[in-house]
Amino acid sequence: METIIQQICINMVEKVLKTLKESKNLSLDIITPEIREESNNTCLSIVEEYIKYVNL
């Protein structure tokens, strides 16, 4: 489980970095919602993996 969660986090960091690199405007008003959405998705994935682990 720990390895899966680490991979989920690594993927999130890669997606955030990609978003920042590809953004033409680094305004917080524009970037923050995109990163927040990715963060929320990552948190959901982590919780789902934990639930799978606990329910084994």
PDB file of N, CA and C in Angstrom:
ATOM      1  N   MET A   1       0.824  -1.189   0.000  1.00  0.00           N
ATOM      2  CA  MET A   1       0.000   0.000   0.000  1.00  0.00           C
ATOM      3  C   MET A   1       0.866   1.250   0.000  1.00  0.00           C
ATOM      4  N   GLU A   2       1.909   1.253   0.791  1.00  0.00           N
ATOM      5  CA  GLU A   2       2.762   2.435   0.894  1.00  0.00           C
ATOM      6  C   GLU A   2       3.361   2.807  -0.459  1.00  0.00           C
ATOM      7  N   THR A   3       3.782   1.823  -1.202  1.00  0.00           N
ATOM      8  CA  THR A   3       4.367   2.072  -2.523  1.00  0.00           C
ATOM      9  C   THR A   3       3.335   2.670  -3.473  1.00  0.00           C
ATOM     10  N   ILE A   4       2.122   2.185  -3.400  1.00  0.00           N
ATOM     11  CA  ILE A   4       1.056   2.715  -4.255  1.00  0.00           C
ATOM     12  C   ILE A   4       0.795   4.176  -3.922  1.00  0.00           C
ATOM     13  N   ILE A   5       0.730   4.492  -2.644  1.00  0.00           N
ATOM     14  CA  ILE A   5       0.487   5.871  -2.227  1.00  0.00           C
ATOM     15  C   ILE A   5       1.650   6.770  -2.635  1.00  0.00           C
ATOM     16  N   GLN A   6       2.857   6.279  -2.516  1.00  0.00           N
ATOM     17  CA  GLN A   6       4.010   7.059  -2.972  1.00  0.00           C
ATOM     18  C   GLN A   6       3.910   7.344  -4.466  1.00  0.00           C
ATOM     19  N   GLN A   7       3.502   6.362  -5.230  1.00  0.00           N
ATOM     20  CA  GLN A   7       3.377   6.560  -6.677  1.00  0.00           C
ATOM     21  C   GLN A   7       2.279   7.568  -7.001  1.00  0.00           C
ATOM     22  N   ILE A   8       1.189   7.516  -6.268  1.00  0.00           N
ATOM     23  CA  ILE A   8       0.109   8.489  -6.461  1.00  0.00           C
ATOM     24  C   ILE A   8       0.638   9.902  -6.216  1.00  0.00           C
ATOM     25  N   CYS A   9       1.419  10.060  -5.167  1.00  0.00           N
ATOM     26  CA  CYS A   9       1.986  11.376  -4.839  1.00  0.00           C
ATOM     27  C   CYS A   9       2.989  11.836  -5.894  1.00  0.00           C
ATOM     28  N   ILE A  10       3.805  10.934  -6.360  1.00  0.00           N
ATOM     29  CA  ILE A  10       4.772  11.269  -7.416  1.00  0.00           C
ATOM     30  C   ILE A  10       4.028  11.724  -8.671  1.00  0.00           C
ATOM     31  N   ASN A  11       2.976  11.018  -9.011  1.00  0.00           N
ATOM     32  CA  ASN A  11       2.179  11.395 -10.183  1.00  0.00           C
ATOM     33  C   ASN A  11       1.578  12.784 -10.017  1.00  0.00           C
ATOM     34  N   MET A  12       1.120  13.086  -8.817  1.00  0.00           N
ATOM     35  CA  MET A  12       0.544  14.404  -8.567  1.00  0.00           C
ATOM     36  C   MET A  12       1.588  15.498  -8.763  1.00  0.00           C
ATOM     37  N   VAL A  13       2.766  15.292  -8.200  1.00  0.00           N
ATOM     38  CA  VAL A  13       3.836  16.282  -8.339  1.00  0.00           C
ATOM     39  C   VAL A  13       4.170  16.484  -9.814  1.00  0.00           C
ATOM     40  N   GLU A  14       4.249  15.413 -10.562  1.00  0.00           N
ATOM     41  CA  GLU A  14       4.538  15.517 -11.999  1.00  0.00           C
ATOM     42  C   GLU A  14       3.453  16.304 -12.728  1.00  0.00           C
ATOM     43  N   LYS A  15       2.199  16.059 -12.386  1.00  0.00           N
ATOM     44  CA  LYS A  15       1.100  16.777 -13.032  1.00  0.00           C
ATOM     45  C   LYS A  15       1.113  18.260 -12.668  1.00  0.00           C
ATOM     46  N   VAL A  16       1.397  18.560 -11.405  1.00  0.00           N
ATOM     47  CA  VAL A  16       1.460  19.960 -10.979  1.00  0.00           C
ATOM     48  C   VAL A  16       2.608  20.675 -11.688  1.00  0.00           C
ATOM     49  N   LEU A  17       3.763  20.039 -11.750  1.00  0.00           N
ATOM     50  CA  LEU A  17       4.898  20.648 -12.442  1.00  0.00           C
ATOM     51  C   LEU A  17       4.590  20.861 -13.920  1.00  0.00           C
ATOM     52  N   LYS A  18       3.930  19.908 -14.528  1.00  0.00           N
ATOM     53  CA  LYS A  18       3.549  20.046 -15.934  1.00  0.00           C
ATOM     54  C   LYS A  18       2.591  21.223 -16.106  1.00  0.00           C
ATOM     55  N   THR A  19       1.627  21.340 -15.212  1.00  0.00           N
ATOM     56  CA  THR A  19       0.683  22.454 -15.262  1.00  0.00           C
ATOM     57  C   THR A  19       1.414  23.782 -15.156  1.00  0.00           C
ATOM     58  N   LEU A  20       2.349  23.863 -14.230  1.00  0.00           N
ATOM     59  CA  LEU A  20       3.100  25.107 -14.050  1.00  0.00           C
ATOM     60  C   LEU A  20       3.955  25.423 -15.276  1.00  0.00           C
ATOM     61  N   LYS A  21       4.597  24.417 -15.819  1.00  0.00           N
ATOM     62  CA  LYS A  21       5.461  24.625 -16.988  1.00  0.00           C
ATOM     63  C   LYS A  21       4.666  25.044 -18.214  1.00  0.00           C
ATOM     64  N   GLU A  22       3.480  24.484 -18.377  1.00  0.00           N
ATOM     65  CA  GLU A  22       2.683  24.748 -19.573  1.00  0.00           C
ATOM     66  C   GLU A  22       1.823  26.000 -19.457  1.00  0.00           C
ATOM     67  N   SER A  23       1.705  26.535 -18.262  1.00  0.00           N
ATOM     68  CA  SER A  23       0.863  27.705 -18.068  1.00  0.00           C
ATOM     69  C   SER A  23       1.514  28.941 -18.684  1.00  0.00           C
ATOM     70  N   LYS A  24       0.725  29.668 -19.416  1.00  0.00           N
ATOM     71  CA  LYS A  24       1.220  30.902 -20.016  1.00  0.00           C
ATOM     72  C   LYS A  24       1.112  32.064 -19.034  1.00  0.00           C
ATOM     73  N   ASN A  25       0.274  31.887 -18.043  1.00  0.00           N
ATOM     74  CA  ASN A  25       0.068  32.930 -17.049  1.00  0.00           C
ATOM     75  C   ASN A  25       0.192  32.291 -15.665  1.00  0.00           C
ATOM     76  N   LEU A  26       1.188  32.688 -14.917  1.00  0.00           N
ATOM     77  CA  LEU A  26       1.417  32.089 -13.600  1.00  0.00           C
ATOM     78  C   LEU A  26       0.678  32.824 -12.480  1.00  0.00           C
ATOM     79  N   SER A  27      -0.404  33.458 -12.826  1.00  0.00           N
ATOM     80  CA  SER A  27      -1.221  34.134 -11.831  1.00  0.00           C
ATOM     81  C   SER A  27      -1.836  33.094 -10.889  1.00  0.00           C
ATOM     82  N   LEU A  28      -1.814  33.394  -9.616  1.00  0.00           N
ATOM     83  CA  LEU A  28      -2.391  32.465  -8.634  1.00  0.00           C
ATOM     84  C   LEU A  28      -3.877  32.227  -8.882  1.00  0.00           C
ATOM     85  N   ASP A  29      -4.560  33.244  -9.375  1.00  0.00           N
ATOM     86  CA  ASP A  29      -5.993  33.094  -9.658  1.00  0.00           C
ATOM     87  C   ASP A  29      -6.260  32.030 -10.713  1.00  0.00           C
ATOM     88  N   ILE A  30      -5.332  31.854 -11.607  1.00  0.00           N
ATOM     89  CA  ILE A  30      -5.504  30.884 -12.686  1.00  0.00           C
ATOM     90  C   ILE A  30      -4.952  29.513 -12.296  1.00  0.00           C
ATOM     91  N   ILE A  31      -3.799  29.494 -11.693  1.00  0.00           N
ATOM     92  CA  ILE A  31      -3.113  28.237 -11.371  1.00  0.00           C
ATOM     93  C   ILE A  31      -3.762  27.499 -10.196  1.00  0.00           C
ATOM     94  N   THR A  32      -4.152  28.235  -9.182  1.00  0.00           N
ATOM     95  CA  THR A  32      -4.639  27.613  -7.947  1.00  0.00           C
ATOM     96  C   THR A  32      -5.811  26.650  -8.163  1.00  0.00           C
ATOM     97  N   PRO A  33      -6.842  27.008  -8.916  1.00  0.00           N
ATOM     98  CA  PRO A  33      -7.947  26.047  -9.094  1.00  0.00           C
ATOM     99  C   PRO A  33      -7.506  24.740  -9.766  1.00  0.00           C
ATOM    100  N   GLU A  34      -6.603  24.842 -10.726  1.00  0.00           N
ATOM    101  CA  GLU A  34      -6.126  23.633 -11.405  1.00  0.00           C
ATOM    102  C   GLU A  34      -5.360  22.737 -10.439  1.00  0.00           C
ATOM    103  N   ILE A  35      -4.496  23.351  -9.664  1.00  0.00           N
ATOM    104  CA  ILE A  35      -3.696  22.576  -8.713  1.00  0.00           C
ATOM    105  C   ILE A  35      -4.577  22.039  -7.591  1.00  0.00           C
ATOM    106  N   ARG A  36      -5.542  22.814  -7.160  1.00  0.00           N
ATOM    107  CA  ARG A  36      -6.461  22.351  -6.115  1.00  0.00           C
ATOM    108  C   ARG A  36      -7.242  21.133  -6.595  1.00  0.00           C
ATOM    109  N   GLU A  37      -7.689  21.163  -7.829  1.00  0.00           N
ATOM    110  CA  GLU A  37      -8.418  20.014  -8.377  1.00  0.00           C
ATOM    111  C   GLU A  37      -7.530  18.770  -8.394  1.00  0.00           C
ATOM    112  N   GLU A  38      -6.296  18.928  -8.811  1.00  0.00           N
ATOM    113  CA  GLU A  38      -5.366  17.793  -8.823  1.00  0.00           C
ATOM    114  C   GLU A  38      -5.115  17.292  -7.402  1.00  0.00           C
ATOM    115  N   SER A  39      -4.997  18.215  -6.475  1.00  0.00           N
ATOM    116  CA  SER A  39      -4.794  17.842  -5.075  1.00  0.00           C
ATOM    117  C   SER A  39      -5.996  17.058  -4.535  1.00  0.00           C
ATOM    118  N   ASN A  40      -7.174  17.528  -4.843  1.00  0.00           N
ATOM    119  CA  ASN A  40      -8.386  16.828  -4.402  1.00  0.00           C
ATOM    120  C   ASN A  40      -8.465  15.424  -4.998  1.00  0.00           C
ATOM    121  N   ASN A  41      -8.134  15.310  -6.273  1.00  0.00           N
ATOM    122  CA  ASN A  41      -8.140  13.994  -6.919  1.00  0.00           C
ATOM    123  C   ASN A  41      -7.112  13.063  -6.285  1.00  0.00           C
ATOM    124  N   THR A  42      -5.967  13.614  -5.958  1.00  0.00           N
ATOM    125  CA  THR A  42      -4.919  12.818  -5.321  1.00  0.00           C
ATOM    126  C   THR A  42      -5.365  12.342  -3.944  1.00  0.00           C
ATOM    127  N   CYS A  43      -5.954  13.232  -3.182  1.00  0.00           N
ATOM    128  CA  CYS A  43      -6.445  12.847  -1.851  1.00  0.00           C
ATOM    129  C   CYS A  43      -7.491  11.741  -1.958  1.00  0.00           C
ATOM    130  N   LEU A  44      -8.366  11.861  -2.907  1.00  0.00           N
ATOM    131  CA  LEU A  44      -9.381  10.832  -3.122  1.00  0.00           C
ATOM    132  C   LEU A  44      -8.731   9.490  -3.457  1.00  0.00           C
ATOM    133  N   SER A  45      -7.751   9.513  -4.325  1.00  0.00           N
ATOM    134  CA  SER A  45      -7.056   8.275  -4.701  1.00  0.00           C
ATOM    135  C   SER A  45      -6.358   7.640  -3.504  1.00  0.00           C
ATOM    136  N   ILE A  46      -5.750   8.460  -2.678  1.00  0.00           N
ATOM    137  CA  ILE A  46      -5.065   7.943  -1.489  1.00  0.00           C
ATOM    138  C   ILE A  46      -6.067   7.296  -0.536  1.00  0.00           C
ATOM    139  N   VAL A  47      -7.175   7.961  -0.305  1.00  0.00           N
ATOM    140  CA  VAL A  47      -8.197   7.410   0.591  1.00  0.00           C
ATOM    141  C   VAL A  47      -8.764   6.110   0.016  1.00  0.00           C
ATOM    142  N   GLU A  48      -8.992   6.069  -1.279  1.00  0.00           N
ATOM    143  CA  GLU A  48      -9.492   4.840  -1.909  1.00  0.00           C
ATOM    144  C   GLU A  48      -8.510   3.684  -1.717  1.00  0.00           C
ATOM    145  N   GLU A  49      -7.241   3.955  -1.903  1.00  0.00           N
ATOM    146  CA  GLU A  49      -6.235   2.905  -1.710  1.00  0.00           C
ATOM    147  C   GLU A  49      -6.191   2.448  -0.255  1.00  0.00           C
ATOM    148  N   TYR A  50      -6.320   3.377   0.663  1.00  0.00           N
ATOM    149  CA  TYR A  50      -6.322   3.016   2.080  1.00  0.00           C
ATOM    150  C   TYR A  50      -7.526   2.127   2.405  1.00  0.00           C
ATOM    151  N   ILE A  51      -8.673   2.502   1.876  1.00  0.00           N
ATOM    152  CA  ILE A  51      -9.884   1.708   2.118  1.00  0.00           C
ATOM    153  C   ILE A  51      -9.715   0.297   1.555  1.00  0.00           C
ATOM    154  N   LYS A  52      -9.143   0.179   0.369  1.00  0.00           N
ATOM    155  CA  LYS A  52      -8.872  -1.150  -0.197  1.00  0.00           C
ATOM    156  C   LYS A  52      -7.972  -1.954   0.734  1.00  0.00           C
ATOM    157  N   TYR A  53      -6.954  -1.297   1.258  1.00  0.00           N
ATOM    158  CA  TYR A  53      -5.991  -1.961   2.137  1.00  0.00           C
ATOM    159  C   TYR A  53      -6.666  -2.426   3.428  1.00  0.00           C
ATOM    160  N   VAL A  54      -7.475  -1.585   4.012  1.00  0.00           N
ATOM    161  CA  VAL A  54      -8.135  -1.903   5.281  1.00  0.00           C
ATOM    162  C   VAL A  54      -9.162  -3.017   5.093  1.00  0.00           C
ATOM    163  N   ASN A  55      -9.791  -3.059   3.950  1.00  0.00           N
ATOM    164  CA  ASN A  55     -10.844  -4.047   3.693  1.00  0.00           C
ATOM    165  C   ASN A  55     -10.319  -5.385   3.196  1.00  0.00           C
ATOM    166  N   LEU A  56      -9.025  -5.591   3.221  1.00  0.00           N
ATOM    167  CA  LEU A  56      -8.467  -6.868   2.755  1.00  0.00           C
ATOM    168  C   LEU A  56      -8.871  -8.011   3.635  1.00  0.00           C
TER     169      LEU A  56
END
